[in-house]
Amino acid sequence: MSTVSAPLVAEPQADRPPPLPDVQPCTNERLYRTITGVVTIAPILFLAVAVWQAWNESLHWSDLLVLAITYIPIGLGVTVGFHRLLTHRSFKTSPFVRGVLAALGSAAIEGPVISWVADHRKHHAYSDRPGDPHSPHVDHGAGWRGALRGLAHAHVGWLFLHTERAAKQRYAPDLLADPVILFVHSTSLLWMLLGLAVPFGLGVAIGGSVSAGLTGLLWGGAVRVFVLHHVTYSVNSLCHFFGQRRFTTGDHSRNLAWLSLASLGEAWHNNHHAFPTSAFHGLRRFELDPSAVVIRLLERAGLVWDVVRVSPERQASRALGAATEVGM
């Protein structure tokens, strides 16, 4: 008597959630482009006023002091806070310090913290390949015209597009689950306004008049926003096009020495792409990295810990035979 075996039936697979979207949907692109245009163009117009003030010999030392007092901590909020702590988790710290750094970075008016971090993480995931939000090398054409289009896109043009902006749920779920960062993100406008109110108050306190407060707002507000924005943008554009390469990476990142001080150490960009989680971007003694100095000081004070460092042996394993100059 023969028996007929039952057909094999595949076990039902556990339901898998659909993959998270890679790009953040934009519900009102015209509104966002208008806001981006105002934030981009207004500091340029006020810069013209500042140049006229300097030319007219009405620039005072107090105005430059207000510029320095506001540029450094707000810039560190971007480099130490947004970038090295929140994007790459190069060290650990308390919720209070994390919140302070995030608030300072938000005052730079470079966008809400979680959006900034998500875009930068996506940049590293697709660096100089399709999917990179701001590569100067992808789909911009050949020759010098393509190079100029790519640099313009990487510098500021990408801010007006939403075709490759990172989805926050995919690229920054840890920050969406962090109540401190979520609060700073949701109150971004407050920190931006405080970043403008403080230089006005400093101008009044130092200069002793409302007029001094207004010029303090001009230099510590508009000029500071303009300079810090374009220094940050230059890391995205120039540091993927000009400079030196010390390490093997799968992208076009470069070290641009002359930009290192203004960028507070961010312009050692090839170093950073070779070792993204390193808290220190300047890896040699002469590679100026003010952000690294601040992190060391915070570590000595016990305010940060588990600081990521790259050993000389690991650096040697990734080093090129010799740094190749592409242009300085």
Protein backbone atom coordinates (compact mmCIF):
# COMPACT_ATOMS: atom_id res chain seq x y z
CA MET A 1 0.00 0.00 0.00
CA SER A 2 1.54 3.20 -1.09
CA THR A 3 1.31 6.43 0.80
CA VAL A 4 1.25 9.90 -0.65
CA SER A 5 3.31 12.39 1.26
CA ALA A 6 1.73 15.71 2.02
CA PRO A 7 3.20 18.65 0.15
CA LEU A 8 5.66 20.71 2.09
CA VAL A 9 4.12 23.94 3.30
CA ALA A 10 6.41 26.83 4.08
CA GLU A 11 6.26 28.07 7.60
CA PRO A 12 4.63 31.49 7.72
CA GLN A 13 7.31 34.15 8.14
CA ALA A 14 7.04 36.61 10.94
CA ASP A 15 5.70 39.92 9.75
CA ARG A 16 8.52 42.33 9.12
CA PRO A 17 7.93 46.05 9.38
CA PRO A 18 8.41 47.90 6.10
CA PRO A 19 11.75 49.69 5.76
CA LEU A 20 11.80 53.22 7.03
CA PRO A 21 11.83 55.92 4.35
CA ASP A 22 15.24 57.33 3.50
CA VAL A 23 14.05 60.85 2.64
CA GLN A 24 12.06 63.16 4.88
CA PRO A 25 8.73 64.14 3.26
CA CYS A 26 8.26 67.87 2.83
CA THR A 27 4.67 69.06 3.17
CA ASN A 28 5.23 72.70 2.17
CA GLU A 29 8.40 73.05 0.13
CA ARG A 30 7.60 76.62 -0.95
CA LEU A 31 7.39 77.76 2.68
CA TYR A 32 10.65 76.06 3.61
CA ARG A 33 12.40 77.53 0.57
CA THR A 34 11.14 80.99 1.51
CA ILE A 35 12.41 80.63 5.09
CA THR A 36 15.76 79.31 3.82
CA GLY A 37 16.00 82.23 1.41
CA VAL A 38 15.37 84.79 4.15
CA VAL A 39 17.90 83.16 6.50
CA THR A 40 20.47 83.01 3.67
CA ILE A 41 20.00 86.46 2.13
CA ALA A 42 19.26 88.65 5.19
CA PRO A 43 22.74 88.23 6.76
CA ILE A 44 24.32 89.22 3.42
CA LEU A 45 22.33 92.45 3.38
CA PHE A 46 23.27 93.22 6.98
CA LEU A 47 26.89 92.40 6.15
CA ALA A 48 26.79 95.25 3.64
CA VAL A 49 25.66 97.55 6.47
CA ALA A 50 28.55 96.28 8.63
CA VAL A 51 31.05 96.95 5.83
CA TRP A 52 29.65 100.47 5.46
CA GLN A 53 29.98 100.97 9.21
CA ALA A 54 33.63 99.89 9.14
CA TRP A 55 34.33 102.04 6.07
CA ASN A 56 32.66 105.01 7.76
CA GLU A 57 35.00 104.54 10.76
CA SER A 58 32.05 104.02 13.10
CA LEU A 59 33.06 100.47 13.97
CA HIS A 60 34.00 100.15 17.66
CA TRP A 61 36.09 97.55 19.49
CA SER A 62 32.97 96.59 21.44
CA ASP A 63 31.29 95.38 18.24
CA LEU A 64 34.16 92.99 17.47
CA LEU A 65 34.15 91.85 21.09
CA VAL A 66 30.45 90.99 20.85
CA LEU A 67 31.16 89.12 17.59
CA ALA A 68 33.86 87.01 19.28
CA ILE A 69 31.80 86.40 22.43
CA THR A 70 28.88 85.06 20.38
CA TYR A 71 30.77 83.30 17.55
CA ILE A 72 32.88 81.01 19.73
CA PRO A 73 30.25 79.40 22.03
CA ILE A 74 27.61 79.18 19.31
CA GLY A 75 30.17 77.76 16.90
CA LEU A 76 31.18 75.21 19.52
CA GLY A 77 27.50 74.33 19.91
CA VAL A 78 27.59 73.25 16.26
CA THR A 79 31.01 71.55 16.22
CA VAL A 80 31.15 69.99 19.68
CA GLY A 81 27.39 69.62 20.23
CA PHE A 82 25.59 68.98 16.94
CA HIS A 83 28.51 67.26 15.22
CA ARG A 84 30.89 65.42 17.51
CA LEU A 85 28.47 64.59 20.34
CA LEU A 86 25.04 64.17 18.79
CA THR A 87 25.88 63.04 15.26
CA HIS A 88 28.89 60.80 15.92
CA ARG A 89 28.64 60.14 19.68
CA SER A 90 32.35 60.86 20.12
CA PHE A 91 31.93 61.23 23.89
CA LYS A 92 29.30 60.98 26.58
CA THR A 93 28.01 63.65 28.89
CA SER A 94 25.12 64.53 31.21
CA PRO A 95 21.65 65.52 29.99
CA PHE A 96 22.30 69.08 31.17
CA VAL A 97 25.52 69.53 29.17
CA ARG A 98 23.91 67.80 26.19
CA GLY A 99 21.02 70.24 26.34
CA VAL A 100 23.28 73.29 26.66
CA LEU A 101 25.36 72.24 23.65
CA ALA A 102 22.24 71.53 21.60
CA ALA A 103 20.73 74.93 22.52
CA LEU A 104 23.96 76.74 21.58
CA GLY A 105 24.08 74.93 18.24
CA SER A 106 20.44 75.81 17.60
CA ALA A 107 21.29 79.50 18.07
CA ALA A 108 23.47 79.24 14.93
CA ILE A 109 20.26 79.17 12.84
CA GLU A 110 21.45 76.17 10.82
CA GLY A 111 18.20 74.31 11.35
CA PRO A 112 16.64 72.28 14.18
CA VAL A 113 19.07 69.94 15.90
CA ILE A 114 17.50 66.60 14.93
CA SER A 115 17.18 67.62 11.28
CA TRP A 116 20.81 68.79 11.25
CA VAL A 117 22.03 65.53 12.75
CA ALA A 118 19.92 63.34 10.45
CA ASP A 119 21.20 65.13 7.33
CA HIS A 120 24.79 64.78 8.46
CA ARG A 121 24.44 61.09 9.27
CA LYS A 122 22.97 60.55 5.80
CA HIS A 123 25.91 62.46 4.33
CA HIS A 124 28.27 59.95 5.93
CA ALA A 125 26.15 56.99 4.85
CA TYR A 126 26.30 58.07 1.17
CA SER A 127 29.33 60.35 1.13
CA ASP A 128 29.94 61.62 -2.43
CA ARG A 129 27.55 59.01 -3.82
CA PRO A 130 23.90 59.21 -4.90
CA GLY A 131 21.92 59.85 -1.72
CA ASP A 132 24.40 62.32 -0.23
CA PRO A 133 22.38 65.48 0.55
CA HIS A 134 25.23 67.85 -0.35
CA SER A 135 27.97 66.25 -2.42
CA PRO A 136 29.70 68.52 -4.97
CA HIS A 137 30.52 65.44 -7.09
CA VAL A 138 27.15 63.77 -7.84
CA ASP A 139 25.09 64.60 -10.94
CA HIS A 140 26.50 68.05 -11.61
CA GLY A 141 28.16 67.47 -14.98
CA ALA A 142 31.76 67.43 -16.14
CA GLY A 143 34.38 70.13 -16.61
CA TRP A 144 34.68 73.42 -14.83
CA ARG A 145 30.98 74.22 -15.22
CA GLY A 146 30.04 70.96 -13.54
CA ALA A 147 32.55 71.68 -10.78
CA LEU A 148 31.07 75.13 -10.17
CA ARG A 149 27.53 73.73 -10.14
CA GLY A 150 28.62 71.04 -7.70
CA LEU A 151 30.32 73.51 -5.38
CA ALA A 152 27.28 75.82 -5.44
CA HIS A 153 24.99 72.89 -4.65
CA ALA A 154 27.18 71.60 -1.81
CA HIS A 155 27.68 75.08 -0.37
CA VAL A 156 24.13 76.38 -0.22
CA GLY A 157 21.96 75.04 -3.06
CA TRP A 158 21.10 71.78 -1.29
CA LEU A 159 19.36 73.74 1.48
CA PHE A 160 16.63 74.69 -1.00
CA LEU A 161 16.02 71.08 -2.09
CA HIS A 162 14.25 68.29 -0.23
CA THR A 163 14.88 65.38 -2.59
CA GLU A 164 17.68 63.92 -0.44
CA ARG A 165 17.01 65.37 3.04
CA ALA A 166 17.33 62.66 5.67
CA ALA A 167 14.31 61.05 7.28
CA LYS A 168 14.59 61.71 11.01
CA GLN A 169 12.94 58.41 12.02
CA ARG A 170 15.61 56.47 10.14
CA TYR A 171 18.73 58.53 10.77
CA ALA A 172 18.10 59.98 14.24
CA PRO A 173 15.76 57.67 16.18
CA ASP A 174 17.99 57.97 19.25
CA LEU A 175 17.49 61.74 19.35
CA LEU A 176 13.75 61.46 18.79
CA ALA A 177 13.71 59.27 21.90
CA ASP A 178 15.85 61.71 23.92
CA PRO A 179 13.54 64.07 25.86
CA VAL A 180 16.26 66.71 26.30
CA ILE A 181 17.13 66.90 22.61
CA LEU A 182 13.49 66.62 21.57
CA PHE A 183 12.70 69.65 23.76
CA VAL A 184 15.54 71.70 22.25
CA HIS A 185 14.45 70.63 18.76
CA SER A 186 10.82 71.62 19.32
CA THR A 187 11.84 75.01 20.76
CA SER A 188 14.41 75.84 18.04
CA LEU A 189 12.90 79.27 17.37
CA LEU A 190 13.44 80.25 21.02
CA TRP A 191 17.19 79.51 20.84
CA MET A 192 17.51 81.31 17.52
CA LEU A 193 15.88 84.42 18.96
CA LEU A 194 18.03 84.24 22.10
CA GLY A 195 21.06 84.02 19.80
CA LEU A 196 20.03 87.44 18.50
CA ALA A 197 18.88 88.94 21.81
CA VAL A 198 22.15 88.17 23.62
CA PRO A 199 24.40 90.26 21.31
CA PHE A 200 21.98 93.17 21.64
CA GLY A 201 22.18 92.87 25.43
CA LEU A 202 25.97 92.56 25.31
CA GLY A 203 26.18 95.66 23.13
CA VAL A 204 24.11 97.65 25.59
CA ALA A 205 26.11 96.34 28.57
CA ILE A 206 29.50 97.07 26.98
CA GLY A 207 28.67 100.23 25.03
CA GLY A 208 26.17 101.69 27.46
CA SER A 209 23.51 102.70 24.90
CA VAL A 210 20.76 101.33 22.71
CA SER A 211 22.82 102.38 19.68
CA ALA A 212 25.66 100.16 20.92
CA GLY A 213 23.11 97.39 21.40
CA LEU A 214 21.99 97.70 17.77
CA THR A 215 25.54 97.57 16.44
CA GLY A 216 26.19 94.66 18.79
CA LEU A 217 23.17 92.93 17.24
CA LEU A 218 24.55 93.72 13.78
CA TRP A 219 27.97 92.16 14.47
CA GLY A 220 27.08 89.50 17.03
CA GLY A 221 23.87 88.64 15.20
CA ALA A 222 23.87 89.16 11.43
CA VAL A 223 27.62 89.11 10.78
CA ARG A 224 28.11 86.16 13.12
CA VAL A 225 25.31 84.23 11.37
CA PHE A 226 26.80 85.01 7.95
CA VAL A 227 30.35 83.98 8.86
CA LEU A 228 29.39 80.85 10.79
CA HIS A 229 26.98 79.73 8.08
CA HIS A 230 29.51 80.05 5.30
CA VAL A 231 32.27 78.44 7.31
CA THR A 232 29.95 75.47 7.92
CA TYR A 233 28.90 75.44 4.26
CA SER A 234 32.57 75.52 3.19
CA VAL A 235 33.22 72.29 5.05
CA ASN A 236 30.48 70.70 2.93
CA SER A 237 31.75 72.19 -0.34
CA LEU A 238 35.40 73.22 -0.27
CA CYS A 239 36.51 70.37 2.01
CA HIS A 240 35.21 67.86 -0.54
CA PHE A 241 37.03 69.56 -3.39
CA PHE A 242 40.28 71.25 -2.33
CA GLY A 243 43.08 70.43 0.09
CA GLN A 244 45.06 67.39 1.16
CA ARG A 245 44.24 63.76 1.80
CA ARG A 246 46.13 61.98 4.56
CA PHE A 247 43.92 58.92 4.81
CA THR A 248 42.22 56.45 2.50
CA THR A 249 38.46 57.02 2.43
CA GLY A 250 35.72 56.11 -0.01
CA ASP A 251 34.93 59.75 -0.78
CA HIS A 252 36.56 63.03 -1.81
CA SER A 253 37.04 64.52 1.68
CA ARG A 254 40.02 66.84 2.10
CA ASN A 255 41.88 68.64 4.88
CA LEU A 256 41.84 72.41 4.34
CA ALA A 257 44.35 73.90 6.74
CA TRP A 258 43.54 77.59 6.23
CA LEU A 259 39.91 76.98 7.26
CA SER A 260 40.74 75.05 10.43
CA LEU A 261 40.71 77.95 12.91
CA ALA A 262 37.49 79.61 11.67
CA SER A 263 35.78 76.19 11.54
CA LEU A 264 36.98 75.40 15.08
CA GLY A 265 38.75 72.29 13.77
CA GLU A 266 36.09 70.96 11.39
CA ALA A 267 38.19 71.59 8.27
CA TRP A 268 40.40 68.56 9.03
CA HIS A 269 37.71 66.85 7.05
CA ASN A 270 39.65 63.94 5.55
CA ASN A 271 40.80 63.06 9.07
CA HIS A 272 37.16 63.14 10.15
CA HIS A 273 35.87 60.95 7.31
CA ALA A 274 38.62 58.43 7.99
CA PHE A 275 37.67 58.27 11.68
CA PRO A 276 34.11 59.67 12.02
CA THR A 277 33.68 58.81 15.70
CA SER A 278 36.94 60.45 16.79
CA ALA A 279 36.36 63.39 19.14
CA PHE A 280 39.51 65.01 17.73
CA HIS A 281 39.70 66.01 14.07
CA GLY A 282 43.15 67.55 14.29
CA LEU A 283 45.29 64.44 14.67
CA ARG A 284 48.72 66.08 14.54
CA ARG A 285 50.20 68.62 16.90
CA PHE A 286 50.09 71.41 14.31
CA GLU A 287 46.53 70.64 13.16
CA LEU A 288 44.62 73.36 15.00
CA ASP A 289 41.41 72.00 16.52
CA PRO A 290 39.81 74.36 19.06
CA SER A 291 36.84 72.01 19.48
CA ALA A 292 39.18 69.23 20.57
CA VAL A 293 40.75 71.56 23.14
CA VAL A 294 37.30 72.29 24.59
CA ILE A 295 36.46 68.57 24.75
CA ARG A 296 39.74 67.89 26.59
CA LEU A 297 38.99 70.65 29.08
CA LEU A 298 35.48 69.32 29.66
CA GLU A 299 36.95 65.84 30.15
CA ARG A 300 39.43 67.09 32.75
CA ALA A 301 36.58 68.84 34.54
CA GLY A 302 34.65 65.57 34.63
CA LEU A 303 31.83 66.96 32.48
CA VAL A 304 32.38 64.52 29.60
CA TRP A 305 33.72 60.97 29.52
CA ASP A 306 34.29 57.97 27.24
CA VAL A 307 36.01 60.29 24.76
CA VAL A 308 36.83 58.44 21.54
CA ARG A 309 40.48 58.64 20.50
CA VAL A 310 42.24 57.13 17.49
CA SER A 311 45.51 55.32 18.24
CA PRO A 312 48.65 56.07 16.17
CA GLU A 313 48.60 52.45 14.99
CA ARG A 314 45.06 52.79 13.64
CA GLN A 315 45.97 56.05 11.95
CA ALA A 316 48.98 54.44 10.30
CA SER A 317 46.82 51.61 8.97
CA ARG A 318 44.61 54.09 7.08
CA ALA A 319 47.32 56.53 5.96
CA LEU A 320 48.09 57.15 2.33
CA GLY A 321 51.65 56.71 1.18
CA ALA A 322 51.93 60.49 0.99
CA ALA A 323 49.43 63.34 1.27
CA THR A 324 48.29 64.35 -2.20
CA GLU A 325 47.74 68.02 -2.81
CA VAL A 326 44.69 68.87 -4.83
CA GLY A 327 44.93 72.61 -4.29
CA MET A 328 45.10 75.04 -1.40
